[in-house]
């Protein structure tokens, strides 16, 4: 069995979840932030129904949906902070 590349999501109330990203370093590097958000919605139901409601932060930077892991230097077992966008406003 090959290696599984993962990231650790630190979410609400400091809860951590591990998300499988790919089976090779190349697959991990080419994963987009939007793809990760979709995996998060499947693994963590009830937090949100839309990727637009999730904000992911790595190394002090908010991650853009179109960005690839390689753009942000996200590696195996990197910790990514997840925050939810709050509804409201006009």
C-alpha atoms as a PDB file:
ATOM      1  CA  UNK A   1       0.000   0.000   0.000  1.00  0.00           C
ATOM      2  CA  UNK A   2       1.349   3.420  -0.976  1.00  0.00           C
ATOM      3  CA  UNK A   3       1.646   6.563   1.028  1.00  0.00           C
ATOM      4  CA  UNK A   4      -1.426   8.753   1.513  1.00  0.00           C
ATOM      5  CA  UNK A   5      -0.742  12.488   1.518  1.00  0.00           C
ATOM      6  CA  UNK A   6      -2.835  14.403   4.028  1.00  0.00           C
ATOM      7  CA  UNK A   7      -3.439  17.822   5.509  1.00  0.00           C
ATOM      8  CA  UNK A   8      -4.683  18.578   9.003  1.00  0.00           C
ATOM      9  CA  UNK A   9      -7.573  21.000   9.296  1.00  0.00           C
ATOM     10  CA  UNK A  10      -7.837  22.934  12.537  1.00  0.00           C
ATOM     11  CA  UNK A  11     -11.398  24.110  12.836  1.00  0.00           C
ATOM     12  CA  UNK A  12     -14.008  25.377  15.198  1.00  0.00           C
ATOM     13  CA  UNK A  13     -13.219  25.016  18.903  1.00  0.00           C
ATOM     14  CA  UNK A  14      -9.676  23.840  18.063  1.00  0.00           C
ATOM     15  CA  UNK A  15     -10.970  20.520  16.668  1.00  0.00           C
ATOM     16  CA  UNK A  16      -8.535  18.880  14.241  1.00  0.00           C
ATOM     17  CA  UNK A  17      -9.477  16.637  11.318  1.00  0.00           C
ATOM     18  CA  UNK A  18      -7.223  14.816   8.879  1.00  0.00           C
ATOM     19  CA  UNK A  19      -8.139  15.004   5.194  1.00  0.00           C
ATOM     20  CA  UNK A  20      -6.702  12.608   2.598  1.00  0.00           C
ATOM     21  CA  UNK A  21      -5.507  14.644  -0.376  1.00  0.00           C
ATOM     22  CA  UNK A  22      -3.773  12.227  -2.722  1.00  0.00           C
ATOM     23  CA  UNK A  23      -1.555   9.209  -3.221  1.00  0.00           C
ATOM     24  CA  UNK A  24       1.462  11.033  -4.652  1.00  0.00           C
ATOM     25  CA  UNK A  25       3.351  14.244  -4.037  1.00  0.00           C
ATOM     26  CA  UNK A  26       2.447  15.403  -7.546  1.00  0.00           C
ATOM     27  CA  UNK A  27      -1.261  14.813  -6.907  1.00  0.00           C
ATOM     28  CA  UNK A  28      -1.007  16.749  -3.649  1.00  0.00           C
ATOM     29  CA  UNK A  29       0.849  19.669  -5.251  1.00  0.00           C
ATOM     30  CA  UNK A  30      -1.806  19.934  -7.983  1.00  0.00           C
ATOM     31  CA  UNK A  31      -4.763  19.880  -5.574  1.00  0.00           C
ATOM     32  CA  UNK A  32      -6.658  23.169  -5.574  1.00  0.00           C
ATOM     33  CA  UNK A  33      -8.050  24.910  -2.525  1.00  0.00           C
ATOM     34  CA  UNK A  34     -11.568  24.481  -3.953  1.00  0.00           C
ATOM     35  CA  UNK A  35     -11.035  20.699  -4.203  1.00  0.00           C
ATOM     36  CA  UNK A  36      -9.990  20.650  -0.546  1.00  0.00           C
ATOM     37  CA  UNK A  37     -13.058  22.673   0.450  1.00  0.00           C
ATOM     38  CA  UNK A  38     -15.310  20.152  -1.325  1.00  0.00           C
ATOM     39  CA  UNK A  39     -13.634  17.293   0.570  1.00  0.00           C
ATOM     40  CA  UNK A  40     -14.128  19.208   3.815  1.00  0.00           C
ATOM     41  CA  UNK A  41     -17.845  19.638   3.155  1.00  0.00           C
ATOM     42  CA  UNK A  42     -18.180  15.867   2.683  1.00  0.00           C
ATOM     43  CA  UNK A  43     -16.128  14.962   5.758  1.00  0.00           C
ATOM     44  CA  UNK A  44     -17.492  17.650   8.086  1.00  0.00           C
ATOM     45  CA  UNK A  45     -21.214  17.926   7.314  1.00  0.00           C
ATOM     46  CA  UNK A  46     -23.233  20.508   9.182  1.00  0.00           C
ATOM     47  CA  UNK A  47     -20.586  23.231   9.121  1.00  0.00           C
ATOM     48  CA  UNK A  48     -21.726  24.636   5.788  1.00  0.00           C
ATOM     49  CA  UNK A  49     -23.332  23.675   2.487  1.00  0.00           C
ATOM     50  CA  UNK A  50     -21.176  25.862   0.260  1.00  0.00           C
ATOM     51  CA  UNK A  51     -17.412  26.090  -0.330  1.00  0.00           C
ATOM     52  CA  UNK A  52     -17.866  29.875  -0.419  1.00  0.00           C
ATOM     53  CA  UNK A  53     -18.656  29.822   3.314  1.00  0.00           C
ATOM     54  CA  UNK A  54     -15.299  28.247   4.190  1.00  0.00           C
ATOM     55  CA  UNK A  55     -12.170  30.315   4.677  1.00  0.00           C
ATOM     56  CA  UNK A  56      -8.874  28.450   4.784  1.00  0.00           C
ATOM     57  CA  UNK A  57      -5.716  30.041   6.147  1.00  0.00           C
ATOM     58  CA  UNK A  58      -2.171  28.713   5.889  1.00  0.00           C
ATOM     59  CA  UNK A  59       0.985  30.498   7.045  1.00  0.00           C
ATOM     60  CA  UNK A  60      -1.042  33.644   7.766  1.00  0.00           C
ATOM     61  CA  UNK A  61      -2.523  33.860   4.254  1.00  0.00           C
ATOM     62  CA  UNK A  62      -6.112  33.288   3.180  1.00  0.00           C
ATOM     63  CA  UNK A  63      -6.127  30.652   0.449  1.00  0.00           C
ATOM     64  CA  UNK A  64      -7.834  31.428  -2.859  1.00  0.00           C
ATOM     65  CA  UNK A  65     -10.071  28.720  -4.366  1.00  0.00           C
ATOM     66  CA  UNK A  66      -8.120  28.580  -7.630  1.00  0.00           C
ATOM     67  CA  UNK A  67      -4.733  28.290  -5.900  1.00  0.00           C
ATOM     68  CA  UNK A  68      -2.863  24.993  -5.871  1.00  0.00           C
ATOM     69  CA  UNK A  69      -1.138  23.535  -2.831  1.00  0.00           C
ATOM     70  CA  UNK A  70       2.204  24.072  -4.567  1.00  0.00           C
ATOM     71  CA  UNK A  71       1.420  27.819  -4.830  1.00  0.00           C
ATOM     72  CA  UNK A  72       1.191  28.024  -1.036  1.00  0.00           C
ATOM     73  CA  UNK A  73       3.945  25.474  -0.229  1.00  0.00           C
ATOM     74  CA  UNK A  74       1.429  23.190   1.504  1.00  0.00           C
ATOM     75  CA  UNK A  75       3.048  19.816   2.182  1.00  0.00           C
ATOM     76  CA  UNK A  76       2.055  16.470   3.698  1.00  0.00           C
ATOM     77  CA  UNK A  77       0.704  16.951   7.253  1.00  0.00           C
ATOM     78  CA  UNK A  78       0.551  20.759   6.961  1.00  0.00           C
ATOM     79  CA  UNK A  79      -1.950  22.356   9.351  1.00  0.00           C
ATOM     80  CA  UNK A  80      -4.562  24.595   7.719  1.00  0.00           C
ATOM     81  CA  UNK A  81      -6.911  26.783   9.746  1.00  0.00           C
ATOM     82  CA  UNK A  82     -10.588  26.681   8.760  1.00  0.00           C
ATOM     83  CA  UNK A  83     -13.014  29.450   9.670  1.00  0.00           C
ATOM     84  CA  UNK A  84     -16.622  29.885   8.611  1.00  0.00           C
ATOM     85  CA  UNK A  85     -17.911  33.030   7.010  1.00  0.00           C
ATOM     86  CA  UNK A  86     -20.732  34.376   9.132  1.00  0.00           C
ATOM     87  CA  UNK A  87     -24.047  35.159   7.458  1.00  0.00           C
ATOM     88  CA  UNK A  88     -25.487  38.622   7.765  1.00  0.00           C
ATOM     89  CA  UNK A  89     -25.020  42.130   6.567  1.00  0.00           C
ATOM     90  CA  UNK A  90     -26.852  43.929   3.811  1.00  0.00           C
END
